[in-house]
Amino acid sequence: MAEVKPMALIESMRKKVCMHSDVYFRTNKQTGKTTTGKLCYPSAKAPSAAQIKAKQRFAKVVAAVRAILTDPTEKAKLQAEYKAQTKIGSLFGYAMHKLNGNYDDNGDPINP
């Protein structure tokens, strides 16, 4: 089979082309491979209370991870741990994986 190489414009795209589009672009940072996806059946229902709570918790955890990654000493320590493992493909993803269990259902830090 032939290998398809997308044109330079598509290689640099990510997320949606415009707000009305339902086609998403994503480039894998490790392999450089660009993929597309389409949201076929978006939900028309309002989110449930559990979904809203999960979204708020996720936002709090992401804010905590970003705060840790802006601190140079914490970031250096986390990078050393990240490089020692091979399971998770990005530093941010590794930080999310590591810190996600340290927060309760409301997104508040659990004090050991």
PDB file of N, CA and C in Angstrom:
ATOM      1  N   MET A   1       0.822  -1.181   0.000  1.00  0.00           N
ATOM      2  CA  MET A   1       0.000   0.000   0.000  1.00  0.00           C
ATOM      3  C   MET A   1       0.869   1.249   0.000  1.00  0.00           C
ATOM      4  N   ALA A   2       0.353   2.282  -0.576  1.00  0.00           N
ATOM      5  CA  ALA A   2       1.056   3.556  -0.612  1.00  0.00           C
ATOM      6  C   ALA A   2       0.863   4.296   0.701  1.00  0.00           C
ATOM      7  N   GLU A   3       1.847   5.070   1.068  1.00  0.00           N
ATOM      8  CA  GLU A   3       1.739   5.890   2.264  1.00  0.00           C
ATOM      9  C   GLU A   3       1.316   7.294   1.834  1.00  0.00           C
ATOM     10  N   VAL A   4       0.273   7.802   2.464  1.00  0.00           N
ATOM     11  CA  VAL A   4      -0.265   9.108   2.103  1.00  0.00           C
ATOM     12  C   VAL A   4       0.365  10.168   2.987  1.00  0.00           C
ATOM     13  N   LYS A   5       0.872  11.217   2.384  1.00  0.00           N
ATOM     14  CA  LYS A   5       1.431  12.333   3.136  1.00  0.00           C
ATOM     15  C   LYS A   5       0.515  13.531   2.918  1.00  0.00           C
ATOM     16  N   PRO A   6      -0.103  14.059   3.997  1.00  0.00           N
ATOM     17  CA  PRO A   6      -1.012  15.185   3.819  1.00  0.00           C
ATOM     18  C   PRO A   6      -0.260  16.460   3.449  1.00  0.00           C
ATOM     19  N   MET A   7      -0.976  17.365   2.808  1.00  0.00           N
ATOM     20  CA  MET A   7      -0.351  18.623   2.433  1.00  0.00           C
ATOM     21  C   MET A   7       0.013  19.421   3.682  1.00  0.00           C
ATOM     22  N   ALA A   8       0.923  20.377   3.548  1.00  0.00           N
ATOM     23  CA  ALA A   8       1.468  21.107   4.689  1.00  0.00           C
ATOM     24  C   ALA A   8       0.388  21.824   5.494  1.00  0.00           C
ATOM     25  N   LEU A   9      -0.651  22.294   4.846  1.00  0.00           N
ATOM     26  CA  LEU A   9      -1.721  22.986   5.554  1.00  0.00           C
ATOM     27  C   LEU A   9      -2.406  22.062   6.552  1.00  0.00           C
ATOM     28  N   ILE A  10      -2.678  20.847   6.154  1.00  0.00           N
ATOM     29  CA  ILE A  10      -3.358  19.896   7.037  1.00  0.00           C
ATOM     30  C   ILE A  10      -2.417  19.410   8.140  1.00  0.00           C
ATOM     31  N   GLU A  11      -1.130  19.293   7.859  1.00  0.00           N
ATOM     32  CA  GLU A  11      -0.183  18.842   8.874  1.00  0.00           C
ATOM     33  C   GLU A  11      -0.157  19.779  10.074  1.00  0.00           C
ATOM     34  N   SER A  12      -0.364  21.071   9.838  1.00  0.00           N
ATOM     35  CA  SER A  12      -0.274  22.028  10.930  1.00  0.00           C
ATOM     36  C   SER A  12      -1.605  22.264  11.624  1.00  0.00           C
ATOM     37  N   MET A  13      -2.682  21.676  11.140  1.00  0.00           N
ATOM     38  CA  MET A  13      -3.994  21.886  11.742  1.00  0.00           C
ATOM     39  C   MET A  13      -4.171  21.029  12.984  1.00  0.00           C
ATOM     40  N   ARG A  14      -4.988  21.530  13.880  1.00  0.00           N
ATOM     41  CA  ARG A  14      -5.432  20.740  15.020  1.00  0.00           C
ATOM     42  C   ARG A  14      -6.786  21.279  15.437  1.00  0.00           C
ATOM     43  N   LYS A  15      -7.525  20.460  16.098  1.00  0.00           N
ATOM     44  CA  LYS A  15      -8.899  20.758  16.503  1.00  0.00           C
ATOM     45  C   LYS A  15      -9.788  20.937  15.285  1.00  0.00           C
ATOM     46  N   LYS A  16     -10.718  21.890  15.297  1.00  0.00           N
ATOM     47  CA  LYS A  16     -11.658  22.055  14.197  1.00  0.00           C
ATOM     48  C   LYS A  16     -11.180  23.129  13.228  1.00  0.00           C
ATOM     49  N   VAL A  17     -11.620  23.028  11.978  1.00  0.00           N
ATOM     50  CA  VAL A  17     -11.285  24.026  10.972  1.00  0.00           C
ATOM     51  C   VAL A  17     -12.037  25.326  11.269  1.00  0.00           C
ATOM     52  N   CYS A  18     -13.315  25.221  11.604  1.00  0.00           N
ATOM     53  CA  CYS A  18     -14.106  26.375  12.022  1.00  0.00           C
ATOM     54  C   CYS A  18     -15.131  25.900  13.036  1.00  0.00           C
ATOM     55  N   MET A  19     -15.839  26.828  13.664  1.00  0.00           N
ATOM     56  CA  MET A  19     -16.757  26.423  14.724  1.00  0.00           C
ATOM     57  C   MET A  19     -17.971  25.650  14.209  1.00  0.00           C
ATOM     58  N   HIS A  20     -18.240  25.723  12.910  1.00  0.00           N
ATOM     59  CA  HIS A  20     -19.376  25.019  12.333  1.00  0.00           C
ATOM     60  C   HIS A  20     -18.998  23.614  11.856  1.00  0.00           C
ATOM     61  N   SER A  21     -17.718  23.319  11.808  1.00  0.00           N
ATOM     62  CA  SER A  21     -17.256  22.036  11.302  1.00  0.00           C
ATOM     63  C   SER A  21     -17.423  20.943  12.350  1.00  0.00           C
ATOM     64  N   ASP A  22     -17.599  19.715  11.902  1.00  0.00           N
ATOM     65  CA  ASP A  22     -17.631  18.591  12.818  1.00  0.00           C
ATOM     66  C   ASP A  22     -16.475  17.626  12.549  1.00  0.00           C
ATOM     67  N   VAL A  23     -15.475  18.082  11.789  1.00  0.00           N
ATOM     68  CA  VAL A  23     -14.286  17.286  11.503  1.00  0.00           C
ATOM     69  C   VAL A  23     -13.131  17.845  12.328  1.00  0.00           C
ATOM     70  N   TYR A  24     -12.469  16.960  13.059  1.00  0.00           N
ATOM     71  CA  TYR A  24     -11.365  17.353  13.927  1.00  0.00           C
ATOM     72  C   TYR A  24     -10.052  16.821  13.365  1.00  0.00           C
ATOM     73  N   PHE A  25      -8.973  17.590  13.514  1.00  0.00           N
ATOM     74  CA  PHE A  25      -7.636  17.184  13.104  1.00  0.00           C
ATOM     75  C   PHE A  25      -6.784  17.032  14.353  1.00  0.00           C
ATOM     76  N   ARG A  26      -5.881  16.052  14.338  1.00  0.00           N
ATOM     77  CA  ARG A  26      -4.970  15.841  15.453  1.00  0.00           C
ATOM     78  C   ARG A  26      -3.654  15.311  14.911  1.00  0.00           C
ATOM     79  N   THR A  27      -2.547  15.843  15.402  1.00  0.00           N
ATOM     80  CA  THR A  27      -1.225  15.359  15.027  1.00  0.00           C
ATOM     81  C   THR A  27      -0.573  14.724  16.241  1.00  0.00           C
ATOM     82  N   ASN A  28      -0.155  13.481  16.115  1.00  0.00           N
ATOM     83  CA  ASN A  28       0.546  12.787  17.179  1.00  0.00           C
ATOM     84  C   ASN A  28       1.949  13.365  17.277  1.00  0.00           C
ATOM     85  N   LYS A  29       2.312  13.891  18.448  1.00  0.00           N
ATOM     86  CA  LYS A  29       3.605  14.555  18.611  1.00  0.00           C
ATOM     87  C   LYS A  29       4.777  13.583  18.515  1.00  0.00           C
ATOM     88  N   GLN A  30       4.565  12.332  18.891  1.00  0.00           N
ATOM     89  CA  GLN A  30       5.655  11.363  18.864  1.00  0.00           C
ATOM     90  C   GLN A  30       5.913  10.820  17.463  1.00  0.00           C
ATOM     91  N   THR A  31       4.849  10.523  16.731  1.00  0.00           N
ATOM     92  CA  THR A  31       5.031   9.921  15.410  1.00  0.00           C
ATOM     93  C   THR A  31       4.901  10.919  14.273  1.00  0.00           C
ATOM     94  N   GLY A  32       4.283  12.069  14.539  1.00  0.00           N
ATOM     95  CA  GLY A  32       4.073  13.061  13.490  1.00  0.00           C
ATOM     96  C   GLY A  32       2.900  12.732  12.579  1.00  0.00           C
ATOM     97  N   LYS A  33       2.163  11.678  12.892  1.00  0.00           N
ATOM     98  CA  LYS A  33       1.049  11.235  12.063  1.00  0.00           C
ATOM     99  C   LYS A  33      -0.182  12.108  12.335  1.00  0.00           C
ATOM    100  N   THR A  34      -0.812  12.593  11.260  1.00  0.00           N
ATOM    101  CA  THR A  34      -2.013  13.411  11.377  1.00  0.00           C
ATOM    102  C   THR A  34      -3.240  12.538  11.152  1.00  0.00           C
ATOM    103  N   THR A  35      -4.201  12.649  12.059  1.00  0.00           N
ATOM    104  CA  THR A  35      -5.433  11.885  11.929  1.00  0.00           C
ATOM    105  C   THR A  35      -6.618  12.844  11.960  1.00  0.00           C
ATOM    106  N   THR A  36      -7.720  12.388  11.427  1.00  0.00           N
ATOM    107  CA  THR A  36      -8.944  13.171  11.461  1.00  0.00           C
ATOM    108  C   THR A  36     -10.043  12.336  12.091  1.00  0.00           C
ATOM    109  N   GLY A  37     -11.024  13.005  12.604  1.00  0.00           N
ATOM    110  CA  GLY A  37     -12.176  12.325  13.177  1.00  0.00           C
ATOM    111  C   GLY A  37     -13.398  13.192  12.991  1.00  0.00           C
ATOM    112  N   LYS A  38     -14.534  12.575  13.061  1.00  0.00           N
ATOM    113  CA  LYS A  38     -15.773  13.311  12.876  1.00  0.00           C
ATOM    114  C   LYS A  38     -16.722  12.980  14.014  1.00  0.00           C
ATOM    115  N   LEU A  39     -17.335  14.010  14.574  1.00  0.00           N
ATOM    116  CA  LEU A  39     -18.319  13.837  15.619  1.00  0.00           C
ATOM    117  C   LEU A  39     -19.656  13.579  14.945  1.00  0.00           C
ATOM    118  N   CYS A  40     -20.076  12.327  14.929  1.00  0.00           N
ATOM    119  CA  CYS A  40     -21.256  11.948  14.140  1.00  0.00           C
ATOM    120  C   CYS A  40     -22.577  12.225  14.842  1.00  0.00           C
ATOM    121  N   TYR A  41     -22.680  11.873  16.089  1.00  0.00           N
ATOM    122  CA  TYR A  41     -23.953  12.007  16.781  1.00  0.00           C
ATOM    123  C   TYR A  41     -23.759  12.763  18.095  1.00  0.00           C
ATOM    124  N   PRO A  42     -23.580  14.085  18.037  1.00  0.00           N
ATOM    125  CA  PRO A  42     -23.410  14.825  19.285  1.00  0.00           C
ATOM    126  C   PRO A  42     -24.690  14.799  20.112  1.00  0.00           C
ATOM    127  N   SER A  43     -24.544  14.821  21.418  1.00  0.00           N
ATOM    128  CA  SER A  43     -25.708  14.772  22.298  1.00  0.00           C
ATOM    129  C   SER A  43     -26.446  16.109  22.263  1.00  0.00           C
ATOM    130  N   ALA A  44     -27.766  16.025  22.205  1.00  0.00           N
ATOM    131  CA  ALA A  44     -28.605  17.228  22.226  1.00  0.00           C
ATOM    132  C   ALA A  44     -29.195  17.445  23.612  1.00  0.00           C
ATOM    133  N   LYS A  45     -28.938  16.512  24.537  1.00  0.00           N
ATOM    134  CA  LYS A  45     -29.477  16.619  25.889  1.00  0.00           C
ATOM    135  C   LYS A  45     -28.596  17.529  26.738  1.00  0.00           C
ATOM    136  N   ALA A  46     -29.196  18.117  27.741  1.00  0.00           N
ATOM    137  CA  ALA A  46     -28.420  18.899  28.714  1.00  0.00           C
ATOM    138  C   ALA A  46     -27.598  17.929  29.559  1.00  0.00           C
ATOM    139  N   PRO A  47     -26.391  18.326  29.975  1.00  0.00           N
ATOM    140  CA  PRO A  47     -25.573  17.421  30.784  1.00  0.00           C
ATOM    141  C   PRO A  47     -26.217  17.149  32.147  1.00  0.00           C
ATOM    142  N   SER A  48     -26.009  15.948  32.640  1.00  0.00           N
ATOM    143  CA  SER A  48     -26.565  15.560  33.937  1.00  0.00           C
ATOM    144  C   SER A  48     -25.738  16.195  35.055  1.00  0.00           C
ATOM    145  N   ALA A  49     -26.247  16.121  36.262  1.00  0.00           N
ATOM    146  CA  ALA A  49     -25.539  16.676  37.420  1.00  0.00           C
ATOM    147  C   ALA A  49     -24.195  15.967  37.618  1.00  0.00           C
ATOM    148  N   ALA A  50     -24.164  14.656  37.400  1.00  0.00           N
ATOM    149  CA  ALA A  50     -22.915  13.897  37.547  1.00  0.00           C
ATOM    150  C   ALA A  50     -21.888  14.322  36.492  1.00  0.00           C
ATOM    151  N   GLN A  51     -22.353  14.588  35.262  1.00  0.00           N
ATOM    152  CA  GLN A  51     -21.447  15.030  34.211  1.00  0.00           C
ATOM    153  C   GLN A  51     -20.881  16.417  34.521  1.00  0.00           C
ATOM    154  N   ILE A  52     -21.710  17.294  35.027  1.00  0.00           N
ATOM    155  CA  ILE A  52     -21.251  18.638  35.393  1.00  0.00           C
ATOM    156  C   ILE A  52     -20.235  18.555  36.525  1.00  0.00           C
ATOM    157  N   LYS A  53     -20.510  17.712  37.512  1.00  0.00           N
ATOM    158  CA  LYS A  53     -19.593  17.535  38.636  1.00  0.00           C
ATOM    159  C   LYS A  53     -18.249  16.974  38.163  1.00  0.00           C
ATOM    160  N   ALA A  54     -18.284  15.997  37.254  1.00  0.00           N
ATOM    161  CA  ALA A  54     -17.049  15.418  36.715  1.00  0.00           C
ATOM    162  C   ALA A  54     -16.261  16.457  35.920  1.00  0.00           C
ATOM    163  N   LYS A  55     -16.955  17.275  35.175  1.00  0.00           N
ATOM    164  CA  LYS A  55     -16.297  18.325  34.391  1.00  0.00           C
ATOM    165  C   LYS A  55     -15.626  19.345  35.313  1.00  0.00           C
ATOM    166  N   GLN A  56     -16.293  19.723  36.398  1.00  0.00           N
ATOM    167  CA  GLN A  56     -15.719  20.672  37.352  1.00  0.00           C
ATOM    168  C   GLN A  56     -14.503  20.071  38.060  1.00  0.00           C
ATOM    169  N   ARG A  57     -14.591  18.790  38.417  1.00  0.00           N
ATOM    170  CA  ARG A  57     -13.454  18.114  39.060  1.00  0.00           C
ATOM    171  C   ARG A  57     -12.265  18.066  38.112  1.00  0.00           C
ATOM    172  N   PHE A  58     -12.527  17.709  36.858  1.00  0.00           N
ATOM    173  CA  PHE A  58     -11.466  17.638  35.862  1.00  0.00           C
ATOM    174  C   PHE A  58     -10.797  19.005  35.686  1.00  0.00           C
ATOM    175  N   ALA A  59     -11.589  20.067  35.660  1.00  0.00           N
ATOM    176  CA  ALA A  59     -11.036  21.416  35.507  1.00  0.00           C
ATOM    177  C   ALA A  59     -10.125  21.778  36.675  1.00  0.00           C
ATOM    178  N   LYS A  60     -10.522  21.388  37.898  1.00  0.00           N
ATOM    179  CA  LYS A  60      -9.679  21.673  39.065  1.00  0.00           C
ATOM    180  C   LYS A  60      -8.367  20.901  39.004  1.00  0.00           C
ATOM    181  N   VAL A  61      -8.422  19.645  38.588  1.00  0.00           N
ATOM    182  CA  VAL A  61      -7.203  18.836  38.494  1.00  0.00           C
ATOM    183  C   VAL A  61      -6.279  19.394  37.410  1.00  0.00           C
ATOM    184  N   VAL A  62      -6.837  19.792  36.274  1.00  0.00           N
ATOM    185  CA  VAL A  62      -6.032  20.382  35.203  1.00  0.00           C
ATOM    186  C   VAL A  62      -5.358  21.656  35.685  1.00  0.00           C
ATOM    187  N   ALA A  63      -6.074  22.494  36.427  1.00  0.00           N
ATOM    188  CA  ALA A  63      -5.483  23.733  36.958  1.00  0.00           C
ATOM    189  C   ALA A  63      -4.326  23.412  37.901  1.00  0.00           C
ATOM    190  N   ALA A  64      -4.483  22.367  38.725  1.00  0.00           N
ATOM    191  CA  ALA A  64      -3.413  21.978  39.639  1.00  0.00           C
ATOM    192  C   ALA A  64      -2.199  21.459  38.876  1.00  0.00           C
ATOM    193  N   VAL A  65      -2.430  20.681  37.822  1.00  0.00           N
ATOM    194  CA  VAL A  65      -1.324  20.157  37.015  1.00  0.00           C
ATOM    195  C   VAL A  65      -0.582  21.300  36.329  1.00  0.00           C
ATOM    196  N   ARG A  66      -1.316  22.245  35.775  1.00  0.00           N
ATOM    197  CA  ARG A  66      -0.673  23.395  35.125  1.00  0.00           C
ATOM    198  C   ARG A  66       0.147  24.204  36.110  1.00  0.00           C
ATOM    199  N   ALA A  67      -0.346  24.353  37.335  1.00  0.00           N
ATOM    200  CA  ALA A  67       0.407  25.077  38.361  1.00  0.00           C
ATOM    201  C   ALA A  67       1.708  24.356  38.686  1.00  0.00           C
ATOM    202  N   ILE A  68       1.644  23.031  38.780  1.00  0.00           N
ATOM    203  CA  ILE A  68       2.862  22.255  39.059  1.00  0.00           C
ATOM    204  C   ILE A  68       3.845  22.357  37.899  1.00  0.00           C
ATOM    205  N   LEU A  69       3.354  22.328  36.662  1.00  0.00           N
ATOM    206  CA  LEU A  69       4.242  22.375  35.503  1.00  0.00           C
ATOM    207  C   LEU A  69       4.852  23.755  35.275  1.00  0.00           C
ATOM    208  N   THR A  70       4.317  24.793  35.900  1.00  0.00           N
ATOM    209  CA  THR A  70       4.929  26.118  35.777  1.00  0.00           C
ATOM    210  C   THR A  70       6.027  26.322  36.805  1.00  0.00           C
ATOM    211  N   ASP A  71       6.062  25.516  37.866  1.00  0.00           N
ATOM    212  CA  ASP A  71       7.110  25.593  38.873  1.00  0.00           C
ATOM    213  C   ASP A  71       8.325  24.810  38.364  1.00  0.00           C
ATOM    214  N   PRO A  72       9.481  25.481  38.146  1.00  0.00           N
ATOM    215  CA  PRO A  72      10.640  24.795  37.539  1.00  0.00           C
ATOM    216  C   PRO A  72      11.158  23.594  38.333  1.00  0.00           C
ATOM    217  N   THR A  73      11.181  23.685  39.668  1.00  0.00           N
ATOM    218  CA  THR A  73      11.712  22.558  40.447  1.00  0.00           C
ATOM    219  C   THR A  73      10.765  21.362  40.404  1.00  0.00           C
ATOM    220  N   GLU A  74       9.469  21.624  40.542  1.00  0.00           N
ATOM    221  CA  GLU A  74       8.489  20.541  40.467  1.00  0.00           C
ATOM    222  C   GLU A  74       8.474  19.914  39.074  1.00  0.00           C
ATOM    223  N   LYS A  75       8.588  20.759  38.051  1.00  0.00           N
ATOM    224  CA  LYS A  75       8.568  20.255  36.676  1.00  0.00           C
ATOM    225  C   LYS A  75       9.783  19.369  36.409  1.00  0.00           C
ATOM    226  N   ALA A  76      10.958  19.778  36.889  1.00  0.00           N
ATOM    227  CA  ALA A  76      12.172  18.987  36.689  1.00  0.00           C
ATOM    228  C   ALA A  76      12.045  17.620  37.362  1.00  0.00           C
ATOM    229  N   LYS A  77      11.498  17.612  38.576  1.00  0.00           N
ATOM    230  CA  LYS A  77      11.310  16.349  39.295  1.00  0.00           C
ATOM    231  C   LYS A  77      10.316  15.448  38.553  1.00  0.00           C
ATOM    232  N   LEU A  78       9.248  16.044  38.071  1.00  0.00           N
ATOM    233  CA  LEU A  78       8.234  15.289  37.343  1.00  0.00           C
ATOM    234  C   LEU A  78       8.775  14.770  36.011  1.00  0.00           C
ATOM    235  N   GLN A  79       9.613  15.579  35.344  1.00  0.00           N
ATOM    236  CA  GLN A  79      10.197  15.149  34.073  1.00  0.00           C
ATOM    237  C   GLN A  79      11.105  13.940  34.259  1.00  0.00           C
ATOM    238  N   ALA A  80      11.849  13.909  35.358  1.00  0.00           N
ATOM    239  CA  ALA A  80      12.716  12.760  35.622  1.00  0.00           C
ATOM    240  C   ALA A  80      11.886  11.484  35.782  1.00  0.00           C
ATOM    241  N   GLU A  81      10.778  11.585  36.505  1.00  0.00           N
ATOM    242  CA  GLU A  81       9.893  10.432  36.667  1.00  0.00           C
ATOM    243  C   GLU A  81       9.258  10.040  35.327  1.00  0.00           C
ATOM    244  N   TYR A  82       8.860  11.048  34.557  1.00  0.00           N
ATOM    245  CA  TYR A  82       8.217  10.806  33.260  1.00  0.00           C
ATOM    246  C   TYR A  82       9.153  10.076  32.305  1.00  0.00           C
ATOM    247  N   LYS A  83      10.414  10.484  32.276  1.00  0.00           N
ATOM    248  CA  LYS A  83      11.381   9.864  31.366  1.00  0.00           C
ATOM    249  C   LYS A  83      11.719   8.432  31.763  1.00  0.00           C
ATOM    250  N   ALA A  84      11.516   8.100  33.032  1.00  0.00           N
ATOM    251  CA  ALA A  84      11.821   6.757  33.508  1.00  0.00           C
ATOM    252  C   ALA A  84      10.716   5.753  33.147  1.00  0.00           C
ATOM    253  N   GLN A  85       9.565   6.245  32.727  1.00  0.00           N
ATOM    254  CA  GLN A  85       8.462   5.354  32.368  1.00  0.00           C
ATOM    255  C   GLN A  85       8.221   5.407  30.858  1.00  0.00           C
ATOM    256  N   THR A  86       7.493   4.427  30.342  1.00  0.00           N
ATOM    257  CA  THR A  86       7.217   4.383  28.902  1.00  0.00           C
ATOM    258  C   THR A  86       5.731   4.252  28.582  1.00  0.00           C
ATOM    259  N   LYS A  87       4.887   4.180  29.591  1.00  0.00           N
ATOM    260  CA  LYS A  87       3.465   3.920  29.371  1.00  0.00           C
ATOM    261  C   LYS A  87       2.704   5.143  28.859  1.00  0.00           C
ATOM    262  N   ILE A  88       2.989   6.322  29.412  1.00  0.00           N
ATOM    263  CA  ILE A  88       2.230   7.529  29.080  1.00  0.00           C
ATOM    264  C   ILE A  88       3.085   8.417  28.183  1.00  0.00           C
ATOM    265  N   GLY A  89       2.467   8.951  27.112  1.00  0.00           N
ATOM    266  CA  GLY A  89       3.215   9.599  26.045  1.00  0.00           C
ATOM    267  C   GLY A  89       3.493  11.081  26.165  1.00  0.00           C
ATOM    268  N   SER A  90       2.960  11.771  27.173  1.00  0.00           N
ATOM    269  CA  SER A  90       3.253  13.201  27.304  1.00  0.00           C
ATOM    270  C   SER A  90       3.458  13.542  28.778  1.00  0.00           C
ATOM    271  N   LEU A  91       4.211  14.596  29.022  1.00  0.00           N
ATOM    272  CA  LEU A  91       4.474  15.022  30.396  1.00  0.00           C
ATOM    273  C   LEU A  91       3.172  15.450  31.065  1.00  0.00           C
ATOM    274  N   PHE A  92       2.339  16.193  30.345  1.00  0.00           N
ATOM    275  CA  PHE A  92       1.059  16.631  30.904  1.00  0.00           C
ATOM    276  C   PHE A  92       0.182  15.420  31.230  1.00  0.00           C
ATOM    277  N   GLY A  93       0.129  14.447  30.333  1.00  0.00           N
ATOM    278  CA  GLY A  93      -0.651  13.236  30.567  1.00  0.00           C
ATOM    279  C   GLY A  93      -0.137  12.462  31.772  1.00  0.00           C
ATOM    280  N   TYR A  94       1.194  12.411  31.923  1.00  0.00           N
ATOM    281  CA  TYR A  94       1.783  11.725  33.069  1.00  0.00           C
ATOM    282  C   TYR A  94       1.419  12.445  34.360  1.00  0.00           C
ATOM    283  N   ALA A  95       1.485  13.769  34.337  1.00  0.00           N
ATOM    284  CA  ALA A  95       1.129  14.548  35.529  1.00  0.00           C
ATOM    285  C   ALA A  95      -0.344  14.352  35.878  1.00  0.00           C
ATOM    286  N   MET A  96      -1.211  14.328  34.864  1.00  0.00           N
ATOM    287  CA  MET A  96      -2.633  14.086  35.109  1.00  0.00           C
ATOM    288  C   MET A  96      -2.837  12.703  35.729  1.00  0.00           C
ATOM    289  N   HIS A  97      -2.158  11.711  35.178  1.00  0.00           N
ATOM    290  CA  HIS A  97      -2.276  10.338  35.683  1.00  0.00           C
ATOM    291  C   HIS A  97      -1.816  10.261  37.132  1.00  0.00           C
ATOM    292  N   LYS A  98      -0.702  10.905  37.427  1.00  0.00           N
ATOM    293  CA  LYS A  98      -0.129  10.841  38.764  1.00  0.00           C
ATOM    294  C   LYS A  98      -0.966  11.598  39.793  1.00  0.00           C
ATOM    295  N   LEU A  99      -1.474  12.779  39.413  1.00  0.00           N
ATOM    296  CA  LEU A  99      -2.171  13.612  40.374  1.00  0.00           C
ATOM    297  C   LEU A  99      -3.673  13.349  40.461  1.00  0.00           C
ATOM    298  N   ASN A 100      -4.239  12.668  39.498  1.00  0.00           N
ATOM    299  CA  ASN A 100      -5.677  12.473  39.455  1.00  0.00           C
ATOM    300  C   ASN A 100      -6.212  11.767  40.694  1.00  0.00           C
ATOM    301  N   GLY A 101      -5.479  10.837  41.230  1.00  0.00           N
ATOM    302  CA  GLY A 101      -5.924  10.117  42.422  1.00  0.00           C
ATOM    303  C   GLY A 101      -5.790  10.912  43.700  1.00  0.00           C
ATOM    304  N   ASN A 102      -5.139  12.067  43.650  1.00  0.00           N
ATOM    305  CA  ASN A 102      -4.937  12.890  44.840  1.00  0.00           C
ATOM    306  C   ASN A 102      -6.070  13.879  45.076  1.00  0.00           C
ATOM    307  N   TYR A 103      -7.161  13.767  44.311  1.00  0.00           N
ATOM    308  CA  TYR A 103      -8.275  14.701  44.432  1.00  0.00           C
ATOM    309  C   TYR A 103      -9.565  13.929  44.645  1.00  0.00           C
ATOM    310  N   ASP A 104     -10.430  14.468  45.507  1.00  0.00           N
ATOM    311  CA  ASP A 104     -11.698  13.796  45.789  1.00  0.00           C
ATOM    312  C   ASP A 104     -12.712  14.059  44.680  1.00  0.00           C
ATOM    313  N   ASP A 105     -13.933  13.619  44.893  1.00  0.00           N
ATOM    314  CA  ASP A 105     -14.975  13.750  43.870  1.00  0.00           C
ATOM    315  C   ASP A 105     -15.314  15.196  43.532  1.00  0.00           C
ATOM    316  N   ASN A 106     -15.066  16.118  44.471  1.00  0.00           N
ATOM    317  CA  ASN A 106     -15.355  17.531  44.217  1.00  0.00           C
ATOM    318  C   ASN A 106     -14.173  18.254  43.594  1.00  0.00           C
ATOM    319  N   GLY A 107     -13.026  17.579  43.436  1.00  0.00           N
ATOM    320  CA  GLY A 107     -11.860  18.204  42.863  1.00  0.00           C
ATOM    321  C   GLY A 107     -10.983  18.899  43.894  1.00  0.00           C
ATOM    322  N   ASP A 108     -11.263  18.639  45.174  1.00  0.00           N
ATOM    323  CA  ASP A 108     -10.457  19.228  46.233  1.00  0.00           C
ATOM    324  C   ASP A 108      -9.310  18.279  46.584  1.00  0.00           C
ATOM    325  N   PRO A 109      -8.127  18.819  46.898  1.00  0.00           N
ATOM    326  CA  PRO A 109      -6.978  17.949  47.225  1.00  0.00           C
ATOM    327  C   PRO A 109      -7.256  17.092  48.454  1.00  0.00           C
ATOM    328  N   ILE A 110      -6.787  15.850  48.372  1.00  0.00           N
ATOM    329  CA  ILE A 110      -6.896  14.931  49.511  1.00  0.00           C
ATOM    330  C   ILE A 110      -5.615  15.072  50.306  1.00  0.00           C
ATOM    331  N   ASN A 111      -5.747  15.398  51.569  1.00  0.00           N
ATOM    332  CA  ASN A 111      -4.564  15.536  52.428  1.00  0.00           C
ATOM    333  C   ASN A 111      -4.279  14.205  53.087  1.00  0.00           C
ATOM    334  N   PRO A 112      -3.077  13.635  52.832  1.00  0.00           N
ATOM    335  CA  PRO A 112      -2.762  12.320  53.417  1.00  0.00           C
ATOM    336  C   PRO A 112      -2.536  12.396  54.914  1.00  0.00           C
TER     337      PRO A 112
END
